[in-house]
Amino acid sequence: MLKGQFSNSRCICVCPKDTEYTKNRNVFVKVIESSSNCNCSSVVGLPEVFCLRCQCTFETRNMGVNQGVVVFILVILALLTLYLLYVAYEKYARKDLSRHIQTQM
């Protein structure tokens, strides 16, 4: 996958910290499409001895909800921008109207 692209499914393996194989990292994530491929050997890529203590889980997420929230926020921002423009126009129109009335008197 390219950087910036997101997938709806992934496999997460949590392993105990082991200084022989991994220095600091104990959570491994890999994008996969099916739960049958969610195992330590395909995600972590370390020897089977290391994988015996790892717990792998397959997760899926609904990107439609995330997209809906983003669209909702963009609509709210657009409405607020339109309201700002309307208020600025009204302020300008009132100032111009009061100036026009004063010149007629």
N, C-alpha and C. Protein backbone atom coordinates (compact mmCIF):
# COMPACT_ATOMS: atom_id res chain seq x y z
N MET A 1 0.84 -1.18 0.00
CA MET A 1 0.00 0.00 0.00
C MET A 1 0.88 1.24 0.00
N LEU A 2 0.41 2.28 -0.64
CA LEU A 2 1.13 3.54 -0.67
C LEU A 2 0.88 4.32 0.60
N LYS A 3 1.80 5.20 0.92
CA LYS A 3 1.64 6.02 2.11
C LYS A 3 0.45 6.95 1.92
N GLY A 4 -0.42 7.03 2.92
CA GLY A 4 -1.60 7.88 2.82
C GLY A 4 -2.85 7.13 2.46
N GLN A 5 -2.74 5.87 2.06
CA GLN A 5 -3.92 5.07 1.77
C GLN A 5 -4.29 4.27 3.01
N PHE A 6 -5.58 4.03 3.17
CA PHE A 6 -6.04 3.33 4.35
C PHE A 6 -6.81 2.08 3.93
N SER A 7 -6.74 1.08 4.76
CA SER A 7 -7.46 -0.16 4.49
C SER A 7 -8.47 -0.38 5.60
N ASN A 8 -9.49 -1.14 5.30
CA ASN A 8 -10.53 -1.41 6.29
C ASN A 8 -10.22 -2.59 7.18
N SER A 9 -9.19 -3.35 6.87
CA SER A 9 -8.88 -4.52 7.68
C SER A 9 -7.38 -4.60 7.94
N ARG A 10 -7.04 -5.11 9.13
CA ARG A 10 -5.64 -5.25 9.49
C ARG A 10 -5.49 -6.32 10.55
N CYS A 11 -4.28 -6.80 10.70
CA CYS A 11 -3.95 -7.79 11.71
C CYS A 11 -2.96 -7.15 12.69
N ILE A 12 -3.26 -7.24 13.97
CA ILE A 12 -2.40 -6.68 15.00
C ILE A 12 -1.90 -7.82 15.87
N CYS A 13 -0.58 -7.91 16.00
CA CYS A 13 0.03 -8.92 16.86
C CYS A 13 0.74 -8.22 18.01
N VAL A 14 0.39 -8.60 19.21
CA VAL A 14 1.03 -8.05 20.41
C VAL A 14 1.90 -9.16 20.99
N CYS A 15 3.19 -8.86 21.08
CA CYS A 15 4.16 -9.84 21.57
C CYS A 15 4.87 -9.25 22.79
N PRO A 16 5.34 -10.11 23.66
CA PRO A 16 6.11 -9.60 24.80
C PRO A 16 7.44 -9.04 24.31
N LYS A 17 7.97 -8.05 25.02
CA LYS A 17 9.25 -7.47 24.62
C LYS A 17 10.35 -8.49 24.84
N ASP A 18 11.11 -8.70 23.78
CA ASP A 18 12.19 -9.68 23.82
C ASP A 18 13.43 -9.02 23.25
N THR A 19 14.45 -8.86 24.05
CA THR A 19 15.64 -8.13 23.59
C THR A 19 16.43 -8.91 22.55
N GLU A 20 16.20 -10.21 22.43
CA GLU A 20 16.94 -10.98 21.44
C GLU A 20 16.44 -10.71 20.02
N TYR A 21 15.11 -10.60 19.84
CA TYR A 21 14.54 -10.43 18.51
C TYR A 21 14.09 -8.99 18.24
N THR A 22 13.47 -8.37 19.22
CA THR A 22 12.98 -7.00 19.03
C THR A 22 13.52 -6.14 20.16
N LYS A 23 14.07 -5.02 19.83
CA LYS A 23 14.66 -4.14 20.84
C LYS A 23 13.58 -3.46 21.68
N ASN A 24 12.71 -2.68 21.07
CA ASN A 24 11.70 -1.93 21.80
C ASN A 24 10.28 -2.23 21.35
N ARG A 25 10.14 -2.75 20.17
CA ARG A 25 8.83 -2.90 19.55
C ARG A 25 8.17 -4.19 19.99
N ASN A 26 6.89 -4.09 20.40
CA ASN A 26 6.17 -5.31 20.75
C ASN A 26 4.78 -5.37 20.12
N VAL A 27 4.40 -4.36 19.33
CA VAL A 27 3.12 -4.37 18.61
C VAL A 27 3.44 -4.31 17.12
N PHE A 28 2.93 -5.28 16.38
CA PHE A 28 3.17 -5.37 14.94
C PHE A 28 1.83 -5.29 14.22
N VAL A 29 1.75 -4.45 13.19
CA VAL A 29 0.52 -4.25 12.43
C VAL A 29 0.80 -4.50 10.96
N LYS A 30 -0.09 -5.24 10.31
CA LYS A 30 0.05 -5.48 8.87
C LYS A 30 -1.34 -5.46 8.24
N VAL A 31 -1.43 -4.83 7.09
CA VAL A 31 -2.70 -4.76 6.36
C VAL A 31 -2.89 -6.06 5.61
N ILE A 32 -3.99 -6.74 5.90
CA ILE A 32 -4.34 -7.99 5.21
C ILE A 32 -5.83 -7.95 4.89
N GLU A 33 -6.25 -8.79 3.99
CA GLU A 33 -7.64 -8.78 3.55
C GLU A 33 -8.52 -9.83 4.21
N SER A 34 -7.93 -10.93 4.68
CA SER A 34 -8.76 -11.98 5.27
C SER A 34 -8.21 -12.39 6.63
N SER A 35 -9.10 -12.86 7.48
CA SER A 35 -8.69 -13.24 8.83
C SER A 35 -7.87 -14.53 8.85
N SER A 36 -7.92 -15.31 7.78
CA SER A 36 -7.15 -16.56 7.75
C SER A 36 -5.64 -16.29 7.68
N ASN A 37 -5.25 -15.13 7.19
CA ASN A 37 -3.83 -14.78 7.09
C ASN A 37 -3.32 -14.06 8.33
N CYS A 38 -4.16 -13.91 9.34
CA CYS A 38 -3.76 -13.17 10.54
C CYS A 38 -3.08 -14.12 11.51
N ASN A 39 -1.79 -14.29 11.33
CA ASN A 39 -1.00 -15.09 12.26
C ASN A 39 0.36 -14.44 12.44
N CYS A 40 1.04 -14.83 13.47
CA CYS A 40 2.29 -14.19 13.84
C CYS A 40 3.36 -14.32 12.76
N SER A 41 3.46 -15.45 12.15
CA SER A 41 4.54 -15.66 11.18
C SER A 41 4.39 -14.75 9.96
N SER A 42 3.14 -14.46 9.54
CA SER A 42 2.96 -13.59 8.37
C SER A 42 3.02 -12.12 8.74
N VAL A 43 2.72 -11.77 9.99
CA VAL A 43 2.71 -10.36 10.38
C VAL A 43 4.07 -9.93 10.92
N VAL A 44 4.63 -10.70 11.83
CA VAL A 44 5.87 -10.31 12.50
C VAL A 44 7.08 -10.67 11.66
N GLY A 45 7.08 -11.87 11.09
CA GLY A 45 8.21 -12.30 10.27
C GLY A 45 9.43 -12.72 11.08
N LEU A 46 9.21 -13.14 12.31
CA LEU A 46 10.29 -13.62 13.16
C LEU A 46 10.16 -15.12 13.35
N PRO A 47 11.17 -15.78 13.93
CA PRO A 47 11.11 -17.24 14.10
C PRO A 47 9.90 -17.69 14.92
N GLU A 48 9.49 -18.93 14.70
CA GLU A 48 8.31 -19.50 15.35
C GLU A 48 8.45 -19.51 16.88
N VAL A 49 9.66 -19.62 17.38
CA VAL A 49 9.88 -19.62 18.83
C VAL A 49 9.42 -18.29 19.42
N PHE A 50 9.67 -17.20 18.72
CA PHE A 50 9.23 -15.89 19.19
C PHE A 50 7.72 -15.76 19.12
N CYS A 51 7.10 -16.37 18.12
CA CYS A 51 5.66 -16.23 17.89
C CYS A 51 4.80 -17.02 18.88
N LEU A 52 5.38 -17.90 19.64
CA LEU A 52 4.59 -18.71 20.55
C LEU A 52 3.89 -17.87 21.62
N ARG A 53 4.47 -16.76 22.00
CA ARG A 53 3.89 -15.92 23.05
C ARG A 53 3.12 -14.72 22.50
N CYS A 54 2.96 -14.63 21.22
CA CYS A 54 2.26 -13.50 20.60
C CYS A 54 0.76 -13.77 20.49
N GLN A 55 -0.03 -12.71 20.61
CA GLN A 55 -1.47 -12.79 20.41
C GLN A 55 -1.85 -11.91 19.23
N CYS A 56 -2.43 -12.51 18.20
CA CYS A 56 -2.80 -11.78 16.99
C CYS A 56 -4.32 -11.68 16.89
N THR A 57 -4.79 -10.50 16.51
CA THR A 57 -6.24 -10.28 16.33
C THR A 57 -6.46 -9.60 14.99
N PHE A 58 -7.56 -9.97 14.35
CA PHE A 58 -7.96 -9.39 13.07
C PHE A 58 -8.99 -8.31 13.35
N GLU A 59 -8.78 -7.11 12.79
CA GLU A 59 -9.70 -6.00 13.02
C GLU A 59 -10.19 -5.44 11.69
N THR A 60 -11.46 -5.05 11.68
CA THR A 60 -12.01 -4.33 10.54
C THR A 60 -12.64 -3.05 11.06
N ARG A 61 -12.65 -2.04 10.24
CA ARG A 61 -13.25 -0.76 10.64
C ARG A 61 -14.11 -0.24 9.51
N ASN A 62 -15.05 0.58 9.87
CA ASN A 62 -15.99 1.14 8.91
C ASN A 62 -15.54 2.55 8.56
N MET A 63 -14.94 2.70 7.39
CA MET A 63 -14.47 4.02 6.96
C MET A 63 -15.62 4.93 6.56
N GLY A 64 -16.80 4.38 6.32
CA GLY A 64 -17.94 5.20 5.96
C GLY A 64 -18.32 6.16 7.08
N VAL A 65 -18.18 5.73 8.32
CA VAL A 65 -18.48 6.61 9.45
C VAL A 65 -17.48 7.76 9.49
N ASN A 66 -16.21 7.45 9.30
CA ASN A 66 -15.19 8.50 9.28
C ASN A 66 -15.44 9.50 8.15
N GLN A 67 -15.79 9.01 6.99
CA GLN A 67 -16.06 9.90 5.86
C GLN A 67 -17.30 10.74 6.12
N GLY A 68 -18.31 10.16 6.75
CA GLY A 68 -19.52 10.92 7.09
C GLY A 68 -19.23 12.05 8.05
N VAL A 69 -18.39 11.80 9.04
CA VAL A 69 -18.04 12.85 10.01
C VAL A 69 -17.27 13.97 9.31
N VAL A 70 -16.35 13.62 8.42
CA VAL A 70 -15.59 14.64 7.70
C VAL A 70 -16.51 15.49 6.83
N VAL A 71 -17.44 14.87 6.12
CA VAL A 71 -18.39 15.62 5.29
C VAL A 71 -19.25 16.53 6.15
N PHE A 72 -19.72 16.04 7.28
CA PHE A 72 -20.53 16.84 8.19
C PHE A 72 -19.76 18.08 8.66
N ILE A 73 -18.52 17.92 9.04
CA ILE A 73 -17.71 19.04 9.51
C ILE A 73 -17.48 20.04 8.37
N LEU A 74 -17.24 19.55 7.16
CA LEU A 74 -17.05 20.45 6.02
C LEU A 74 -18.31 21.25 5.71
N VAL A 75 -19.47 20.62 5.82
CA VAL A 75 -20.73 21.32 5.60
C VAL A 75 -20.93 22.41 6.65
N ILE A 76 -20.65 22.09 7.91
CA ILE A 76 -20.77 23.08 8.98
C ILE A 76 -19.83 24.26 8.73
N LEU A 77 -18.59 23.98 8.33
CA LEU A 77 -17.65 25.05 8.03
C LEU A 77 -18.12 25.91 6.86
N ALA A 78 -18.69 25.29 5.84
CA ALA A 78 -19.20 26.04 4.70
C ALA A 78 -20.36 26.94 5.13
N LEU A 79 -21.26 26.42 5.96
CA LEU A 79 -22.38 27.24 6.44
C LEU A 79 -21.90 28.41 7.30
N LEU A 80 -20.93 28.17 8.14
CA LEU A 80 -20.38 29.25 8.96
C LEU A 80 -19.69 30.31 8.10
N THR A 81 -19.02 29.89 7.05
CA THR A 81 -18.38 30.84 6.13
C THR A 81 -19.43 31.68 5.41
N LEU A 82 -20.50 31.04 4.96
CA LEU A 82 -21.58 31.80 4.31
C LEU A 82 -22.22 32.78 5.28
N TYR A 83 -22.41 32.38 6.52
CA TYR A 83 -22.98 33.28 7.53
C TYR A 83 -22.05 34.46 7.78
N LEU A 84 -20.74 34.21 7.85
CA LEU A 84 -19.77 35.28 8.04
C LEU A 84 -19.84 36.28 6.89
N LEU A 85 -19.92 35.78 5.67
CA LEU A 85 -20.03 36.67 4.51
C LEU A 85 -21.32 37.47 4.54
N TYR A 86 -22.42 36.84 4.95
CA TYR A 86 -23.69 37.53 5.05
C TYR A 86 -23.63 38.65 6.09
N VAL A 87 -23.05 38.37 7.25
CA VAL A 87 -22.95 39.39 8.31
C VAL A 87 -22.06 40.54 7.86
N ALA A 88 -20.96 40.24 7.19
CA ALA A 88 -20.07 41.28 6.69
C ALA A 88 -20.78 42.13 5.64
N TYR A 89 -21.55 41.51 4.77
CA TYR A 89 -22.29 42.26 3.75
C TYR A 89 -23.35 43.14 4.40
N GLU A 90 -24.06 42.62 5.39
CA GLU A 90 -25.09 43.41 6.08
C GLU A 90 -24.46 44.63 6.76
N LYS A 91 -23.34 44.45 7.39
CA LYS A 91 -22.66 45.55 8.06
C LYS A 91 -22.26 46.62 7.05
N TYR A 92 -21.72 46.18 5.92
CA TYR A 92 -21.34 47.12 4.86
C TYR A 92 -22.57 47.80 4.28
N ALA A 93 -23.66 47.06 4.07
CA ALA A 93 -24.87 47.63 3.47
C ALA A 93 -25.50 48.64 4.41
N ARG A 94 -25.53 48.38 5.71
CA ARG A 94 -26.11 49.34 6.67
C ARG A 94 -25.28 50.61 6.72
N LYS A 95 -23.96 50.47 6.70
CA LYS A 95 -23.09 51.65 6.73
C LYS A 95 -23.31 52.48 5.48
N ASP A 96 -23.42 51.83 4.33
CA ASP A 96 -23.64 52.53 3.08
C ASP A 96 -25.02 53.18 3.06
N LEU A 97 -26.04 52.51 3.61
CA LEU A 97 -27.39 53.06 3.66
C LEU A 97 -27.45 54.27 4.57
N SER A 98 -26.81 54.20 5.74
CA SER A 98 -26.83 55.34 6.65
C SER A 98 -26.07 56.52 6.04
N ARG A 99 -25.01 56.26 5.30
CA ARG A 99 -24.27 57.33 4.62
C ARG A 99 -25.14 57.96 3.53
N HIS A 100 -25.89 57.16 2.83
CA HIS A 100 -26.77 57.66 1.77
C HIS A 100 -27.91 58.49 2.36
N ILE A 101 -28.46 58.07 3.49
CA ILE A 101 -29.54 58.85 4.13
C ILE A 101 -29.01 60.17 4.63
N GLN A 102 -27.81 60.24 5.18
CA GLN A 102 -27.23 61.47 5.71
C GLN A 102 -26.96 62.45 4.57
N THR A 103 -26.61 61.99 3.39
CA THR A 103 -26.34 62.90 2.28
C THR A 103 -27.63 63.49 1.72
N GLN A 104 -28.75 62.81 1.89
CA GLN A 104 -30.02 63.31 1.40
C GLN A 104 -30.60 64.38 2.33
N MET A 105 -30.21 64.39 3.57
CA MET A 105 -30.79 65.36 4.52
C MET A 105 -30.11 66.65 4.44
